[in-house]
């Protein structure tokens, strides 16, 4: 069985820790890659071509917007999902308009929601 390659763009490791725990029992199903910052994320998307990119977004700081804009300019169509606090509801329509798939809230429902993403 081929594994699903997931790029996690996370500048403080909180999403990395969450998904590392979540995927721990399914290591053969997922291949996790990690990046820190917009430039490194774009480089890994180009070089590794992951099936999905999860981006830690804090209060609309812009990481997801920057990644989506750069992907669009490069003609790349990697699905991007923003993960962050409930304040993401304010910017989710903008992210989707830029080509993002959705926003997932980093709370206790994350493991349940994740099952429907991949």
N, C-alpha and C. Protein backbone atom coordinates (compact mmCIF):
# COMPACT_ATOMS: atom_id res chain seq x y z
N UNK A 1 0.84 -1.19 0.00
CA UNK A 1 0.00 0.00 0.00
C UNK A 1 0.88 1.25 0.00
N UNK A 2 0.58 2.19 -0.87
CA UNK A 2 1.31 3.44 -0.91
C UNK A 2 0.83 4.35 0.21
N UNK A 3 1.76 5.08 0.79
CA UNK A 3 1.38 5.98 1.86
C UNK A 3 0.98 7.33 1.29
N UNK A 4 0.16 8.04 2.05
CA UNK A 4 -0.28 9.38 1.69
C UNK A 4 0.77 10.35 2.21
N UNK A 5 1.35 11.14 1.32
CA UNK A 5 2.39 12.07 1.71
C UNK A 5 1.75 13.40 2.12
N UNK A 6 2.01 13.80 3.37
CA UNK A 6 1.42 15.01 3.94
C UNK A 6 2.54 15.95 4.35
N UNK A 7 2.46 17.18 3.86
CA UNK A 7 3.41 18.22 4.27
C UNK A 7 2.75 19.06 5.36
N UNK A 8 3.43 19.18 6.48
CA UNK A 8 2.92 19.99 7.60
C UNK A 8 3.81 21.22 7.73
N UNK A 9 3.23 22.39 7.45
CA UNK A 9 3.94 23.66 7.56
C UNK A 9 3.60 24.26 8.92
N UNK A 10 4.58 24.28 9.80
CA UNK A 10 4.31 24.64 11.19
C UNK A 10 5.54 25.29 11.79
N UNK A 11 5.42 26.54 12.18
CA UNK A 11 6.59 27.25 12.68
C UNK A 11 6.86 27.07 14.17
N UNK A 12 5.95 26.43 14.90
CA UNK A 12 6.24 26.21 16.32
C UNK A 12 6.13 24.75 16.76
N UNK A 13 5.79 23.87 15.85
CA UNK A 13 5.74 22.44 16.18
C UNK A 13 4.45 21.95 16.78
N UNK A 14 3.47 22.82 17.02
CA UNK A 14 2.25 22.37 17.69
C UNK A 14 1.41 21.45 16.80
N UNK A 15 1.31 21.76 15.52
CA UNK A 15 0.57 20.90 14.60
C UNK A 15 1.35 19.61 14.37
N UNK A 16 2.66 19.73 14.27
CA UNK A 16 3.52 18.55 14.10
C UNK A 16 3.30 17.57 15.25
N UNK A 17 3.27 18.07 16.47
CA UNK A 17 3.05 17.19 17.64
C UNK A 17 1.66 16.57 17.60
N UNK A 18 0.66 17.38 17.27
CA UNK A 18 -0.72 16.88 17.21
C UNK A 18 -0.85 15.76 16.20
N UNK A 19 -0.35 15.99 14.98
CA UNK A 19 -0.49 14.98 13.95
C UNK A 19 0.45 13.80 14.14
N UNK A 20 1.60 14.05 14.75
CA UNK A 20 2.49 12.93 15.07
C UNK A 20 1.79 11.95 16.00
N UNK A 21 1.07 12.46 16.98
CA UNK A 21 0.29 11.61 17.89
C UNK A 21 -0.88 10.97 17.15
N UNK A 22 -1.57 11.74 16.36
CA UNK A 22 -2.74 11.25 15.63
C UNK A 22 -2.37 10.14 14.65
N UNK A 23 -1.22 10.29 13.96
CA UNK A 23 -0.82 9.32 12.95
C UNK A 23 0.05 8.21 13.52
N UNK A 24 0.39 8.29 14.78
CA UNK A 24 1.31 7.32 15.38
C UNK A 24 0.94 5.88 15.13
N UNK A 25 -0.32 5.54 15.21
CA UNK A 25 -0.76 4.17 15.01
C UNK A 25 -0.91 3.78 13.55
N UNK A 26 -0.74 4.74 12.65
CA UNK A 26 -0.92 4.46 11.22
C UNK A 26 0.31 4.91 10.43
N UNK A 27 1.49 4.62 10.96
CA UNK A 27 2.73 5.08 10.34
C UNK A 27 2.89 4.57 8.91
N UNK A 28 2.34 3.41 8.60
CA UNK A 28 2.47 2.88 7.24
C UNK A 28 1.51 3.56 6.26
N UNK A 29 0.48 4.21 6.77
CA UNK A 29 -0.50 4.86 5.90
C UNK A 29 -0.09 6.28 5.50
N UNK A 30 0.66 6.97 6.37
CA UNK A 30 1.03 8.36 6.13
C UNK A 30 2.54 8.54 6.13
N UNK A 31 3.03 9.35 5.20
CA UNK A 31 4.43 9.78 5.18
C UNK A 31 4.41 11.27 5.47
N UNK A 32 4.93 11.66 6.62
CA UNK A 32 4.88 13.06 7.04
C UNK A 32 6.17 13.79 6.68
N UNK A 33 6.00 14.96 6.09
CA UNK A 33 7.10 15.88 5.82
C UNK A 33 6.81 17.14 6.62
N UNK A 34 7.85 17.86 6.99
CA UNK A 34 7.66 19.05 7.80
C UNK A 34 8.42 20.23 7.19
N UNK A 35 7.84 21.41 7.32
CA UNK A 35 8.51 22.63 6.86
C UNK A 35 8.25 23.74 7.85
N UNK A 36 9.09 24.76 7.76
CA UNK A 36 8.99 25.91 8.63
C UNK A 36 9.12 27.15 7.76
N UNK A 37 8.04 27.87 7.58
CA UNK A 37 8.07 29.08 6.78
C UNK A 37 7.57 28.87 5.36
N UNK A 38 7.19 29.97 4.75
CA UNK A 38 6.59 29.93 3.42
C UNK A 38 7.57 29.41 2.37
N UNK A 39 8.78 29.91 2.36
CA UNK A 39 9.75 29.51 1.33
C UNK A 39 10.07 28.02 1.40
N UNK A 40 10.33 27.52 2.58
CA UNK A 40 10.64 26.09 2.74
C UNK A 40 9.42 25.24 2.35
N UNK A 41 8.23 25.70 2.69
CA UNK A 41 7.02 24.96 2.33
C UNK A 41 6.88 24.86 0.82
N UNK A 42 7.06 25.96 0.13
CA UNK A 42 6.95 25.95 -1.33
C UNK A 42 8.02 25.06 -1.96
N UNK A 43 9.22 25.11 -1.43
CA UNK A 43 10.30 24.26 -1.94
C UNK A 43 9.94 22.78 -1.79
N UNK A 44 9.40 22.41 -0.64
CA UNK A 44 9.03 21.01 -0.42
C UNK A 44 7.83 20.59 -1.27
N UNK A 45 6.91 21.50 -1.53
CA UNK A 45 5.79 21.17 -2.42
C UNK A 45 6.32 20.87 -3.82
N UNK A 46 7.22 21.71 -4.29
CA UNK A 46 7.78 21.52 -5.63
C UNK A 46 8.59 20.22 -5.70
N UNK A 47 9.44 19.97 -4.72
CA UNK A 47 10.35 18.82 -4.76
C UNK A 47 9.70 17.50 -4.37
N UNK A 48 8.78 17.52 -3.42
CA UNK A 48 8.21 16.26 -2.91
C UNK A 48 6.82 15.97 -3.46
N UNK A 49 6.13 16.99 -3.94
CA UNK A 49 4.78 16.84 -4.49
C UNK A 49 3.84 16.07 -3.55
N UNK A 50 3.63 16.59 -2.34
CA UNK A 50 2.75 15.89 -1.39
C UNK A 50 1.29 15.92 -1.83
N UNK A 51 0.51 14.97 -1.33
CA UNK A 51 -0.91 14.91 -1.66
C UNK A 51 -1.69 16.05 -1.02
N UNK A 52 -1.21 16.54 0.12
CA UNK A 52 -1.91 17.61 0.84
C UNK A 52 -0.90 18.37 1.69
N UNK A 53 -1.17 19.65 1.91
CA UNK A 53 -0.32 20.49 2.75
C UNK A 53 -1.19 21.08 3.86
N UNK A 54 -0.79 20.85 5.10
CA UNK A 54 -1.49 21.42 6.26
C UNK A 54 -0.66 22.59 6.77
N UNK A 55 -1.30 23.74 6.93
CA UNK A 55 -0.58 24.95 7.32
C UNK A 55 -1.12 25.46 8.64
N UNK A 56 -0.24 25.65 9.60
CA UNK A 56 -0.64 26.25 10.87
C UNK A 56 -0.85 27.75 10.63
N UNK A 57 -2.04 28.20 10.91
CA UNK A 57 -2.39 29.61 10.71
C UNK A 57 -2.78 30.21 12.06
N UNK A 58 -2.13 31.28 12.42
CA UNK A 58 -2.44 31.93 13.69
C UNK A 58 -3.08 33.28 13.46
N UNK A 59 -4.36 33.36 13.74
CA UNK A 59 -5.09 34.64 13.73
C UNK A 59 -4.90 35.44 12.44
N UNK A 60 -4.89 34.75 11.31
CA UNK A 60 -4.79 35.45 10.04
C UNK A 60 -3.44 36.06 9.77
N UNK A 61 -2.38 35.46 10.29
CA UNK A 61 -1.03 36.02 10.12
C UNK A 61 -0.56 36.02 8.68
N UNK A 62 -1.18 35.20 7.83
CA UNK A 62 -0.85 35.28 6.42
C UNK A 62 -0.10 34.11 5.83
N UNK A 63 0.37 33.16 6.62
CA UNK A 63 1.13 32.04 6.08
C UNK A 63 0.35 31.32 4.99
N UNK A 64 -0.88 30.99 5.25
CA UNK A 64 -1.68 30.24 4.29
C UNK A 64 -1.93 31.07 3.04
N UNK A 65 -2.24 32.34 3.20
CA UNK A 65 -2.45 33.22 2.04
C UNK A 65 -1.21 33.28 1.16
N UNK A 66 -0.05 33.46 1.80
CA UNK A 66 1.20 33.54 1.04
C UNK A 66 1.47 32.25 0.28
N UNK A 67 1.27 31.13 0.93
CA UNK A 67 1.49 29.84 0.27
C UNK A 67 0.52 29.66 -0.89
N UNK A 68 -0.75 29.96 -0.68
CA UNK A 68 -1.75 29.81 -1.75
C UNK A 68 -1.44 30.73 -2.93
N UNK A 69 -1.06 31.97 -2.66
CA UNK A 69 -0.72 32.90 -3.74
C UNK A 69 0.48 32.39 -4.54
N UNK A 70 1.51 31.93 -3.85
CA UNK A 70 2.70 31.44 -4.54
C UNK A 70 2.41 30.16 -5.33
N UNK A 71 1.57 29.28 -4.79
CA UNK A 71 1.20 28.07 -5.53
C UNK A 71 0.46 28.43 -6.81
N UNK A 72 -0.46 29.36 -6.69
CA UNK A 72 -1.24 29.78 -7.86
C UNK A 72 -0.32 30.39 -8.92
N UNK A 73 0.61 31.25 -8.50
CA UNK A 73 1.54 31.87 -9.44
C UNK A 73 2.41 30.82 -10.13
N UNK A 74 2.75 29.75 -9.42
CA UNK A 74 3.60 28.69 -9.98
C UNK A 74 2.79 27.65 -10.76
N UNK A 75 1.47 27.78 -10.75
CA UNK A 75 0.62 26.83 -11.46
C UNK A 75 0.49 25.49 -10.78
N UNK A 76 0.74 25.45 -9.47
CA UNK A 76 0.65 24.20 -8.71
C UNK A 76 -0.71 24.09 -8.04
N UNK A 77 -1.20 22.86 -7.90
CA UNK A 77 -2.56 22.65 -7.38
C UNK A 77 -2.59 21.76 -6.14
N UNK A 78 -1.55 21.77 -5.34
CA UNK A 78 -1.53 20.98 -4.11
C UNK A 78 -2.64 21.46 -3.18
N UNK A 79 -3.49 20.56 -2.69
CA UNK A 79 -4.53 20.97 -1.74
C UNK A 79 -3.90 21.52 -0.45
N UNK A 80 -4.42 22.64 0.01
CA UNK A 80 -3.91 23.29 1.22
C UNK A 80 -5.06 23.45 2.21
N UNK A 81 -4.80 23.02 3.45
CA UNK A 81 -5.77 23.13 4.54
C UNK A 81 -5.13 23.96 5.65
N UNK A 82 -5.83 25.00 6.09
CA UNK A 82 -5.35 25.82 7.21
C UNK A 82 -5.83 25.19 8.51
N UNK A 83 -4.95 25.17 9.50
CA UNK A 83 -5.31 24.64 10.82
C UNK A 83 -4.97 25.71 11.84
N UNK A 84 -5.93 26.01 12.71
CA UNK A 84 -5.68 27.04 13.70
C UNK A 84 -6.86 27.24 14.64
N UNK A 85 -6.88 28.38 15.31
CA UNK A 85 -7.94 28.66 16.28
C UNK A 85 -9.27 28.96 15.59
N UNK A 86 -10.33 29.03 16.37
CA UNK A 86 -11.67 29.27 15.82
C UNK A 86 -11.77 30.61 15.09
N UNK A 87 -10.85 31.52 15.30
CA UNK A 87 -10.86 32.79 14.58
C UNK A 87 -10.68 32.60 13.08
N UNK A 88 -10.28 31.40 12.66
CA UNK A 88 -10.12 31.12 11.22
C UNK A 88 -11.43 31.28 10.46
N UNK A 89 -12.55 31.19 11.17
CA UNK A 89 -13.84 31.35 10.47
C UNK A 89 -13.91 32.71 9.78
N UNK A 90 -13.21 33.70 10.32
CA UNK A 90 -13.23 35.05 9.74
C UNK A 90 -12.50 35.09 8.39
N UNK A 91 -11.45 34.28 8.24
CA UNK A 91 -10.66 34.35 7.01
C UNK A 91 -10.85 33.14 6.10
N UNK A 92 -11.60 32.13 6.54
CA UNK A 92 -11.77 30.93 5.71
C UNK A 92 -12.33 31.25 4.32
N UNK A 93 -13.34 32.12 4.18
CA UNK A 93 -13.82 32.42 2.82
C UNK A 93 -12.72 32.98 1.91
N UNK A 94 -11.84 33.82 2.46
CA UNK A 94 -10.74 34.38 1.68
C UNK A 94 -9.76 33.28 1.26
N UNK A 95 -9.48 32.35 2.18
CA UNK A 95 -8.55 31.26 1.87
C UNK A 95 -9.12 30.35 0.79
N UNK A 96 -10.39 30.06 0.88
CA UNK A 96 -11.04 29.21 -0.13
C UNK A 96 -11.04 29.93 -1.48
N UNK A 97 -11.28 31.23 -1.49
CA UNK A 97 -11.26 31.99 -2.74
C UNK A 97 -9.88 31.96 -3.39
N UNK A 98 -8.84 31.83 -2.58
CA UNK A 98 -7.47 31.75 -3.10
C UNK A 98 -7.09 30.33 -3.52
N UNK A 99 -7.97 29.37 -3.27
CA UNK A 99 -7.68 27.99 -3.67
C UNK A 99 -7.51 27.02 -2.52
N UNK A 100 -7.60 27.50 -1.29
CA UNK A 100 -7.51 26.60 -0.14
C UNK A 100 -8.72 25.69 -0.08
N UNK A 101 -8.57 24.55 0.56
CA UNK A 101 -9.67 23.59 0.65
C UNK A 101 -10.61 23.90 1.80
N UNK A 102 -10.07 24.22 2.96
CA UNK A 102 -10.91 24.50 4.13
C UNK A 102 -10.02 24.94 5.29
N UNK A 103 -10.66 25.25 6.39
CA UNK A 103 -9.96 25.53 7.64
C UNK A 103 -10.45 24.51 8.66
N UNK A 104 -9.51 23.94 9.38
CA UNK A 104 -9.84 22.99 10.44
C UNK A 104 -9.38 23.61 11.75
N UNK A 105 -10.24 23.53 12.74
CA UNK A 105 -9.91 24.13 14.03
C UNK A 105 -9.08 23.16 14.86
N UNK A 106 -8.05 23.72 15.49
CA UNK A 106 -7.18 22.91 16.35
C UNK A 106 -7.82 22.90 17.74
N UNK A 107 -8.68 21.91 17.92
CA UNK A 107 -9.31 21.70 19.21
C UNK A 107 -9.53 20.21 19.39
N UNK A 108 -10.33 19.84 20.34
CA UNK A 108 -10.52 18.41 20.62
C UNK A 108 -11.22 17.65 19.50
N UNK A 109 -11.85 18.35 18.55
CA UNK A 109 -12.53 17.67 17.45
C UNK A 109 -11.58 17.35 16.29
N UNK A 110 -10.34 17.81 16.33
CA UNK A 110 -9.41 17.62 15.22
C UNK A 110 -9.26 16.16 14.79
N UNK A 111 -9.07 15.20 15.68
CA UNK A 111 -8.96 13.80 15.22
C UNK A 111 -10.20 13.31 14.49
N UNK A 112 -11.36 13.71 14.93
CA UNK A 112 -12.61 13.29 14.28
C UNK A 112 -12.73 13.94 12.91
N UNK A 113 -12.47 15.22 12.82
CA UNK A 113 -12.57 15.94 11.55
C UNK A 113 -11.55 15.39 10.55
N UNK A 114 -10.35 15.08 11.00
CA UNK A 114 -9.29 14.63 10.11
C UNK A 114 -9.69 13.40 9.31
N UNK A 115 -10.47 12.51 9.91
CA UNK A 115 -10.88 11.28 9.21
C UNK A 115 -11.61 11.58 7.92
N UNK A 116 -12.25 12.74 7.80
CA UNK A 116 -12.99 13.09 6.60
C UNK A 116 -12.17 13.86 5.58
N UNK A 117 -10.95 14.24 5.93
CA UNK A 117 -10.10 15.02 5.04
C UNK A 117 -9.32 14.11 4.09
N UNK A 118 -8.72 13.05 4.62
CA UNK A 118 -7.90 12.15 3.79
C UNK A 118 -8.57 10.80 3.75
